[in-house]
Amino acid sequence: MKRISFLLLFSVAACAANTPSAMTAAKIKANSTVAGLIQFPGKVIPSMRICALNTQTKAISCVKTKAGQTKYLIKGLVAAEYQVLANVKDNELRVGGHMLQVQCIRAPCPALLNTVLLKTKESKTDIHLNGFYRSREDFPVLPSGKN
């Protein structure tokens, strides 16, 4: 009898999770955006893959940009803390990010990857990619993907 009750309870819970209101609630949460300028130091901005990395879940959402593109926009993010990174194609400066300049007593101090807090339905348009490097050991490695 206990087994039947458990299966019945499990079936009801599974059906409730697939109702339109539950699916809509999941979609409503993923409605924040980040955007900014691509401040590449060269004359021509190369194509790149720009990703918002959720610092807690490690989930990523990425966009690809074309050569010469000066702005980016990543939509459909859930409320969370993110780091915005770029993988650059065909350039000696291979990685980039939204960086925070750190004030130090002794120079030089390397810029740190800045963390951005997004709230539900928030759109931040000043998350500029302002640091590009040959490599940075302190950057998270982005998995390769379609986007």
N, C-alpha and C. Protein backbone atom coordinates (compact mmCIF):
# COMPACT_ATOMS: atom_id res chain seq x y z
N MET A 1 0.82 -1.20 0.00
CA MET A 1 0.00 0.00 0.00
C MET A 1 0.86 1.27 0.00
N LYS A 2 1.96 1.23 0.78
CA LYS A 2 2.84 2.40 0.82
C LYS A 2 3.45 2.66 -0.55
N ARG A 3 3.78 1.61 -1.27
CA ARG A 3 4.38 1.76 -2.58
C ARG A 3 3.40 2.42 -3.55
N ILE A 4 2.14 2.03 -3.51
CA ILE A 4 1.13 2.62 -4.38
C ILE A 4 0.92 4.09 -4.03
N SER A 5 0.89 4.43 -2.74
CA SER A 5 0.72 5.82 -2.32
C SER A 5 1.89 6.67 -2.79
N PHE A 6 3.11 6.13 -2.69
CA PHE A 6 4.28 6.87 -3.13
C PHE A 6 4.23 7.11 -4.63
N LEU A 7 3.88 6.08 -5.40
CA LEU A 7 3.79 6.23 -6.85
C LEU A 7 2.73 7.23 -7.25
N LEU A 8 1.60 7.22 -6.56
CA LEU A 8 0.53 8.17 -6.85
C LEU A 8 1.00 9.59 -6.55
N LEU A 9 1.64 9.79 -5.41
CA LEU A 9 2.14 11.10 -5.02
C LEU A 9 3.20 11.58 -6.03
N PHE A 10 4.09 10.68 -6.44
CA PHE A 10 5.13 11.02 -7.41
C PHE A 10 4.51 11.42 -8.75
N SER A 11 3.49 10.71 -9.19
CA SER A 11 2.82 11.00 -10.46
C SER A 11 2.15 12.37 -10.43
N VAL A 12 1.50 12.69 -9.32
CA VAL A 12 0.83 14.00 -9.18
C VAL A 12 1.87 15.11 -9.21
N ALA A 13 2.99 14.92 -8.51
CA ALA A 13 4.04 15.94 -8.48
C ALA A 13 4.65 16.12 -9.87
N ALA A 14 4.87 15.05 -10.59
CA ALA A 14 5.44 15.14 -11.94
C ALA A 14 4.49 15.88 -12.88
N CYS A 15 3.22 15.62 -12.78
CA CYS A 15 2.24 16.31 -13.62
C CYS A 15 2.17 17.79 -13.28
N ALA A 16 2.24 18.12 -12.01
CA ALA A 16 2.17 19.51 -11.58
C ALA A 16 3.37 20.29 -12.10
N ALA A 17 4.53 19.64 -12.15
CA ALA A 17 5.73 20.32 -12.63
C ALA A 17 5.66 20.63 -14.12
N ASN A 18 4.83 19.91 -14.86
CA ASN A 18 4.72 20.12 -16.31
C ASN A 18 3.49 20.93 -16.70
N THR A 19 2.82 21.55 -15.76
CA THR A 19 1.66 22.37 -16.09
C THR A 19 2.12 23.66 -16.75
N PRO A 20 1.26 24.29 -17.54
CA PRO A 20 1.64 25.54 -18.20
C PRO A 20 2.09 26.61 -17.21
N SER A 21 1.46 26.70 -16.04
CA SER A 21 1.85 27.74 -15.09
C SER A 21 3.25 27.50 -14.55
N ALA A 22 3.64 26.23 -14.32
CA ALA A 22 4.99 25.93 -13.86
C ALA A 22 6.01 26.24 -14.94
N MET A 23 5.70 25.91 -16.20
CA MET A 23 6.62 26.19 -17.29
C MET A 23 6.72 27.69 -17.54
N THR A 24 5.61 28.42 -17.41
CA THR A 24 5.63 29.86 -17.57
C THR A 24 6.46 30.52 -16.48
N ALA A 25 6.34 30.02 -15.25
CA ALA A 25 7.13 30.58 -14.15
C ALA A 25 8.61 30.43 -14.42
N ALA A 26 9.03 29.30 -14.99
CA ALA A 26 10.44 29.11 -15.31
C ALA A 26 10.89 30.08 -16.38
N LYS A 27 10.04 30.35 -17.38
CA LYS A 27 10.38 31.29 -18.43
C LYS A 27 10.44 32.72 -17.92
N ILE A 28 9.56 33.08 -17.01
CA ILE A 28 9.51 34.44 -16.49
C ILE A 28 10.80 34.77 -15.76
N LYS A 29 11.40 33.82 -15.09
CA LYS A 29 12.62 34.06 -14.35
C LYS A 29 13.80 34.39 -15.25
N ALA A 30 13.83 33.87 -16.47
CA ALA A 30 14.95 34.08 -17.39
C ALA A 30 14.67 35.27 -18.29
N ASN A 31 14.55 36.46 -17.69
CA ASN A 31 14.17 37.63 -18.47
C ASN A 31 15.08 38.83 -18.24
N SER A 32 16.29 38.61 -17.79
CA SER A 32 17.23 39.70 -17.57
C SER A 32 18.25 39.72 -18.71
N THR A 33 18.90 40.87 -18.89
CA THR A 33 19.87 41.01 -19.97
C THR A 33 21.11 41.76 -19.51
N VAL A 34 22.22 41.47 -20.18
CA VAL A 34 23.44 42.28 -20.04
C VAL A 34 23.86 42.72 -21.43
N ALA A 35 24.42 43.90 -21.50
CA ALA A 35 24.87 44.45 -22.77
C ALA A 35 25.98 45.46 -22.51
N GLY A 36 26.74 45.74 -23.54
CA GLY A 36 27.78 46.74 -23.39
C GLY A 36 28.59 46.91 -24.65
N LEU A 37 29.60 47.74 -24.54
CA LEU A 37 30.51 48.01 -25.65
C LEU A 37 31.64 46.99 -25.66
N ILE A 38 32.15 46.70 -26.83
CA ILE A 38 33.34 45.86 -26.98
C ILE A 38 34.50 46.83 -27.18
N GLN A 39 35.28 47.06 -26.14
CA GLN A 39 36.35 48.06 -26.17
C GLN A 39 37.69 47.37 -26.48
N PHE A 40 37.76 46.80 -27.68
CA PHE A 40 38.96 46.07 -28.10
C PHE A 40 40.06 47.07 -28.44
N PRO A 41 41.30 46.81 -28.03
CA PRO A 41 42.37 47.79 -28.21
C PRO A 41 42.91 47.93 -29.63
N GLY A 42 42.56 47.06 -30.55
CA GLY A 42 43.08 47.14 -31.92
C GLY A 42 42.25 48.04 -32.80
N LYS A 43 42.72 48.21 -34.03
CA LYS A 43 41.98 49.04 -34.99
C LYS A 43 40.69 48.37 -35.43
N VAL A 44 40.72 47.05 -35.58
CA VAL A 44 39.54 46.30 -36.00
C VAL A 44 39.16 45.34 -34.89
N ILE A 45 37.90 45.33 -34.54
CA ILE A 45 37.41 44.41 -33.52
C ILE A 45 37.20 43.05 -34.18
N PRO A 46 37.87 42.00 -33.69
CA PRO A 46 37.68 40.68 -34.30
C PRO A 46 36.36 40.05 -33.86
N SER A 47 35.96 38.98 -34.55
CA SER A 47 34.76 38.25 -34.12
C SER A 47 35.10 37.53 -32.81
N MET A 48 34.09 37.33 -32.00
CA MET A 48 34.31 36.69 -30.71
C MET A 48 33.04 36.05 -30.19
N ARG A 49 33.22 35.21 -29.21
CA ARG A 49 32.12 34.57 -28.49
C ARG A 49 32.10 35.18 -27.10
N ILE A 50 30.99 35.83 -26.76
CA ILE A 50 30.86 36.52 -25.47
C ILE A 50 29.86 35.76 -24.62
N CYS A 51 30.25 35.47 -23.39
CA CYS A 51 29.41 34.64 -22.52
C CYS A 51 29.20 35.29 -21.17
N ALA A 52 27.99 35.10 -20.64
CA ALA A 52 27.68 35.45 -19.25
C ALA A 52 27.72 34.14 -18.47
N LEU A 53 28.61 34.06 -17.50
CA LEU A 53 28.81 32.86 -16.69
C LEU A 53 28.17 33.07 -15.33
N ASN A 54 27.16 32.25 -15.01
CA ASN A 54 26.53 32.29 -13.70
C ASN A 54 27.55 31.78 -12.69
N THR A 55 27.93 32.61 -11.72
CA THR A 55 29.02 32.25 -10.81
C THR A 55 28.65 31.14 -9.84
N GLN A 56 27.35 30.91 -9.61
CA GLN A 56 26.95 29.85 -8.70
C GLN A 56 26.70 28.53 -9.41
N THR A 57 25.94 28.55 -10.50
CA THR A 57 25.57 27.31 -11.17
C THR A 57 26.56 26.93 -12.28
N LYS A 58 27.40 27.88 -12.70
CA LYS A 58 28.35 27.70 -13.80
C LYS A 58 27.66 27.56 -15.16
N ALA A 59 26.35 27.86 -15.21
CA ALA A 59 25.63 27.86 -16.48
C ALA A 59 26.10 29.06 -17.30
N ILE A 60 26.17 28.88 -18.62
CA ILE A 60 26.60 29.98 -19.48
C ILE A 60 25.54 30.27 -20.54
N SER A 61 25.50 31.53 -20.92
CA SER A 61 24.67 31.97 -22.03
C SER A 61 25.58 32.82 -22.90
N CYS A 62 25.67 32.48 -24.19
CA CYS A 62 26.65 33.13 -25.06
C CYS A 62 26.02 33.70 -26.32
N VAL A 63 26.72 34.65 -26.91
CA VAL A 63 26.40 35.18 -28.23
C VAL A 63 27.69 35.25 -29.03
N LYS A 64 27.56 35.17 -30.35
CA LYS A 64 28.71 35.34 -31.23
C LYS A 64 28.60 36.70 -31.89
N THR A 65 29.73 37.39 -31.98
CA THR A 65 29.75 38.68 -32.66
C THR A 65 30.56 38.56 -33.94
N LYS A 66 30.31 39.48 -34.84
CA LYS A 66 31.04 39.52 -36.11
C LYS A 66 32.19 40.51 -36.00
N ALA A 67 33.16 40.37 -36.88
CA ALA A 67 34.28 41.31 -36.94
C ALA A 67 33.72 42.72 -37.15
N GLY A 68 34.23 43.68 -36.41
CA GLY A 68 33.79 45.06 -36.52
C GLY A 68 32.62 45.42 -35.62
N GLN A 69 31.98 44.45 -35.02
CA GLN A 69 30.82 44.73 -34.15
C GLN A 69 31.30 45.41 -32.87
N THR A 70 30.66 46.50 -32.49
CA THR A 70 31.11 47.30 -31.35
C THR A 70 30.29 47.10 -30.08
N LYS A 71 29.16 46.39 -30.20
CA LYS A 71 28.29 46.17 -29.03
C LYS A 71 27.86 44.72 -28.98
N TYR A 72 27.44 44.27 -27.78
CA TYR A 72 26.89 42.92 -27.63
C TYR A 72 25.67 42.99 -26.72
N LEU A 73 24.84 41.95 -26.78
CA LEU A 73 23.64 41.83 -25.95
C LEU A 73 23.41 40.35 -25.67
N ILE A 74 23.27 40.00 -24.40
CA ILE A 74 22.94 38.63 -24.00
C ILE A 74 21.60 38.68 -23.28
N LYS A 75 20.61 37.98 -23.84
CA LYS A 75 19.25 37.97 -23.31
C LYS A 75 18.97 36.65 -22.59
N GLY A 76 17.84 36.63 -21.88
CA GLY A 76 17.33 35.39 -21.29
C GLY A 76 18.10 34.89 -20.10
N LEU A 77 18.61 35.80 -19.26
CA LEU A 77 19.36 35.40 -18.08
C LEU A 77 18.46 35.39 -16.85
N VAL A 78 18.70 34.46 -15.96
CA VAL A 78 17.97 34.43 -14.68
C VAL A 78 18.66 35.38 -13.71
N ALA A 79 17.96 35.79 -12.69
CA ALA A 79 18.55 36.65 -11.66
C ALA A 79 19.66 35.88 -10.96
N ALA A 80 20.87 36.44 -10.99
CA ALA A 80 22.04 35.79 -10.39
C ALA A 80 23.24 36.72 -10.54
N GLU A 81 24.39 36.24 -10.04
CA GLU A 81 25.66 36.94 -10.25
C GLU A 81 26.35 36.34 -11.47
N TYR A 82 26.90 37.21 -12.33
CA TYR A 82 27.53 36.77 -13.56
C TYR A 82 28.91 37.39 -13.72
N GLN A 83 29.76 36.69 -14.46
CA GLN A 83 30.99 37.24 -14.99
C GLN A 83 30.85 37.19 -16.50
N VAL A 84 31.22 38.29 -17.17
CA VAL A 84 31.09 38.36 -18.62
C VAL A 84 32.48 38.25 -19.22
N LEU A 85 32.63 37.21 -20.09
CA LEU A 85 33.92 36.88 -20.68
C LEU A 85 33.81 36.78 -22.19
N ALA A 86 34.96 36.88 -22.85
CA ALA A 86 34.98 36.73 -24.31
C ALA A 86 36.13 35.83 -24.73
N ASN A 87 35.86 34.98 -25.70
CA ASN A 87 36.90 34.22 -26.41
C ASN A 87 37.02 34.86 -27.78
N VAL A 88 38.22 35.35 -28.09
CA VAL A 88 38.46 36.09 -29.32
C VAL A 88 39.00 35.14 -30.39
N LYS A 89 38.49 35.32 -31.61
CA LYS A 89 38.95 34.49 -32.74
C LYS A 89 40.05 35.21 -33.52
N ASP A 90 41.03 34.44 -33.94
CA ASP A 90 42.06 34.91 -34.87
C ASP A 90 42.73 36.21 -34.44
N ASN A 91 43.21 36.24 -33.20
CA ASN A 91 43.92 37.41 -32.70
C ASN A 91 44.87 36.96 -31.61
N GLU A 92 45.95 37.72 -31.40
CA GLU A 92 46.88 37.35 -30.33
C GLU A 92 46.28 37.60 -28.95
N LEU A 93 45.35 38.53 -28.85
CA LEU A 93 44.63 38.74 -27.59
C LEU A 93 43.44 37.78 -27.60
N ARG A 94 43.55 36.66 -26.90
CA ARG A 94 42.60 35.55 -27.02
C ARG A 94 41.43 35.61 -26.06
N VAL A 95 41.56 36.33 -24.94
CA VAL A 95 40.48 36.36 -23.94
C VAL A 95 40.20 37.80 -23.53
N GLY A 96 38.96 38.03 -23.13
CA GLY A 96 38.58 39.36 -22.67
C GLY A 96 37.53 39.24 -21.60
N GLY A 97 37.25 40.36 -20.96
CA GLY A 97 36.25 40.34 -19.92
C GLY A 97 35.82 41.72 -19.48
N HIS A 98 34.77 41.72 -18.68
CA HIS A 98 34.30 42.95 -18.02
C HIS A 98 35.15 43.08 -16.76
N MET A 99 36.10 44.01 -16.80
CA MET A 99 37.15 44.08 -15.79
C MET A 99 36.95 45.24 -14.81
N LEU A 100 37.46 45.04 -13.62
CA LEU A 100 37.45 46.05 -12.56
C LEU A 100 38.89 46.45 -12.30
N GLN A 101 39.19 47.73 -12.48
CA GLN A 101 40.53 48.22 -12.19
C GLN A 101 40.71 48.32 -10.68
N VAL A 102 41.79 47.77 -10.19
CA VAL A 102 42.04 47.71 -8.75
C VAL A 102 43.10 48.74 -8.39
N GLN A 103 42.87 49.48 -7.33
CA GLN A 103 43.84 50.45 -6.84
C GLN A 103 44.79 49.75 -5.88
N CYS A 104 46.08 49.91 -6.13
CA CYS A 104 47.08 49.27 -5.29
C CYS A 104 48.06 50.30 -4.75
N ILE A 105 48.72 49.92 -3.68
CA ILE A 105 49.76 50.79 -3.12
C ILE A 105 50.98 50.75 -4.04
N ARG A 106 51.29 49.55 -4.53
CA ARG A 106 52.41 49.39 -5.45
C ARG A 106 51.87 48.98 -6.82
N ALA A 107 52.31 49.69 -7.84
CA ALA A 107 51.86 49.36 -9.21
C ALA A 107 52.80 48.32 -9.80
N PRO A 108 52.44 47.57 -10.79
CA PRO A 108 51.12 47.53 -11.39
C PRO A 108 50.22 46.51 -10.70
N CYS A 109 48.97 46.78 -10.70
CA CYS A 109 47.97 45.86 -10.16
C CYS A 109 47.13 45.36 -11.33
N PRO A 110 47.01 44.06 -11.49
CA PRO A 110 46.19 43.57 -12.61
C PRO A 110 44.71 43.80 -12.34
N ALA A 111 43.99 44.10 -13.40
CA ALA A 111 42.53 44.26 -13.28
C ALA A 111 41.92 42.90 -12.95
N LEU A 112 40.81 42.92 -12.22
CA LEU A 112 40.11 41.70 -11.83
C LEU A 112 38.83 41.55 -12.63
N LEU A 113 38.43 40.31 -12.85
CA LEU A 113 37.16 40.03 -13.51
C LEU A 113 36.03 40.52 -12.61
N ASN A 114 35.21 41.40 -13.13
CA ASN A 114 34.14 42.01 -12.35
C ASN A 114 32.91 41.10 -12.31
N THR A 115 32.25 41.06 -11.18
CA THR A 115 31.03 40.28 -11.02
C THR A 115 29.83 41.23 -11.10
N VAL A 116 28.82 40.82 -11.86
CA VAL A 116 27.63 41.64 -12.09
C VAL A 116 26.44 40.96 -11.44
N LEU A 117 25.70 41.68 -10.62
CA LEU A 117 24.49 41.14 -9.99
C LEU A 117 23.28 41.57 -10.81
N LEU A 118 22.55 40.58 -11.34
CA LEU A 118 21.34 40.84 -12.11
C LEU A 118 20.12 40.45 -11.30
N LYS A 119 19.14 41.32 -11.27
CA LYS A 119 17.86 41.02 -10.63
C LYS A 119 16.86 40.59 -11.71
N THR A 120 15.74 40.05 -11.29
CA THR A 120 14.69 39.63 -12.22
C THR A 120 14.23 40.83 -13.04
N LYS A 121 14.09 40.64 -14.34
CA LYS A 121 13.64 41.65 -15.30
C LYS A 121 14.57 42.85 -15.38
N GLU A 122 15.82 42.69 -14.99
CA GLU A 122 16.77 43.80 -15.04
C GLU A 122 17.58 43.76 -16.32
N SER A 123 17.86 44.95 -16.85
CA SER A 123 18.67 45.08 -18.04
C SER A 123 19.83 46.02 -17.73
N LYS A 124 21.05 45.49 -17.76
CA LYS A 124 22.23 46.32 -17.53
C LYS A 124 22.93 46.52 -18.86
N THR A 125 23.11 47.79 -19.24
CA THR A 125 23.67 48.11 -20.55
C THR A 125 25.08 48.68 -20.47
N ASP A 126 25.67 48.68 -19.29
CA ASP A 126 27.02 49.25 -19.13
C ASP A 126 28.05 48.19 -18.73
N ILE A 127 27.84 46.96 -19.17
CA ILE A 127 28.76 45.87 -18.84
C ILE A 127 29.75 45.73 -20.01
N HIS A 128 30.66 46.66 -20.08
CA HIS A 128 31.58 46.76 -21.21
C HIS A 128 32.70 45.73 -21.10
N LEU A 129 33.08 45.19 -22.25
CA LEU A 129 34.26 44.33 -22.32
C LEU A 129 35.45 45.27 -22.46
N ASN A 130 36.14 45.50 -21.35
CA ASN A 130 37.15 46.55 -21.30
C ASN A 130 38.56 46.03 -21.01
N GLY A 131 38.77 44.72 -21.06
CA GLY A 131 40.11 44.16 -20.86
C GLY A 131 40.31 42.96 -21.75
N PHE A 132 41.39 42.97 -22.55
CA PHE A 132 41.70 41.86 -23.45
C PHE A 132 43.16 41.46 -23.25
N TYR A 133 43.41 40.14 -23.26
CA TYR A 133 44.71 39.60 -22.88
C TYR A 133 45.08 38.40 -23.75
N ARG A 134 46.38 38.12 -23.82
CA ARG A 134 46.83 36.89 -24.49
C ARG A 134 46.32 35.67 -23.75
N SER A 135 46.41 35.72 -22.44
CA SER A 135 45.87 34.66 -21.59
C SER A 135 45.72 35.21 -20.18
N ARG A 136 44.83 34.60 -19.43
CA ARG A 136 44.65 34.94 -18.01
C ARG A 136 44.37 33.64 -17.27
N GLU A 137 45.29 33.26 -16.43
CA GLU A 137 45.13 32.02 -15.66
C GLU A 137 43.98 32.11 -14.67
N ASP A 138 43.61 33.31 -14.26
CA ASP A 138 42.55 33.48 -13.27
C ASP A 138 41.15 33.53 -13.90
N PHE A 139 41.05 33.46 -15.22
CA PHE A 139 39.74 33.45 -15.88
C PHE A 139 39.17 32.04 -15.87
N PRO A 140 37.86 31.90 -15.67
CA PRO A 140 37.24 30.58 -15.82
C PRO A 140 37.33 30.12 -17.27
N VAL A 141 37.47 28.83 -17.46
CA VAL A 141 37.52 28.28 -18.81
C VAL A 141 36.10 28.07 -19.28
N LEU A 142 35.78 28.63 -20.42
CA LEU A 142 34.43 28.48 -20.98
C LEU A 142 34.36 27.21 -21.81
N PRO A 143 33.34 26.40 -21.61
CA PRO A 143 33.20 25.22 -22.45
C PRO A 143 32.88 25.65 -23.88
N SER A 144 33.33 24.86 -24.84
CA SER A 144 33.01 25.18 -26.23
C SER A 144 31.55 24.85 -26.45
N GLY A 145 30.94 25.53 -27.38
CA GLY A 145 29.54 25.30 -27.65
C GLY A 145 29.12 25.89 -28.97
N LYS A 146 27.84 25.67 -29.28
CA LYS A 146 27.28 26.17 -30.52
C LYS A 146 27.21 27.68 -30.53
N ASN A 147 26.90 28.27 -29.39
CA ASN A 147 26.80 29.74 -29.36
C ASN A 147 27.95 30.35 -28.62
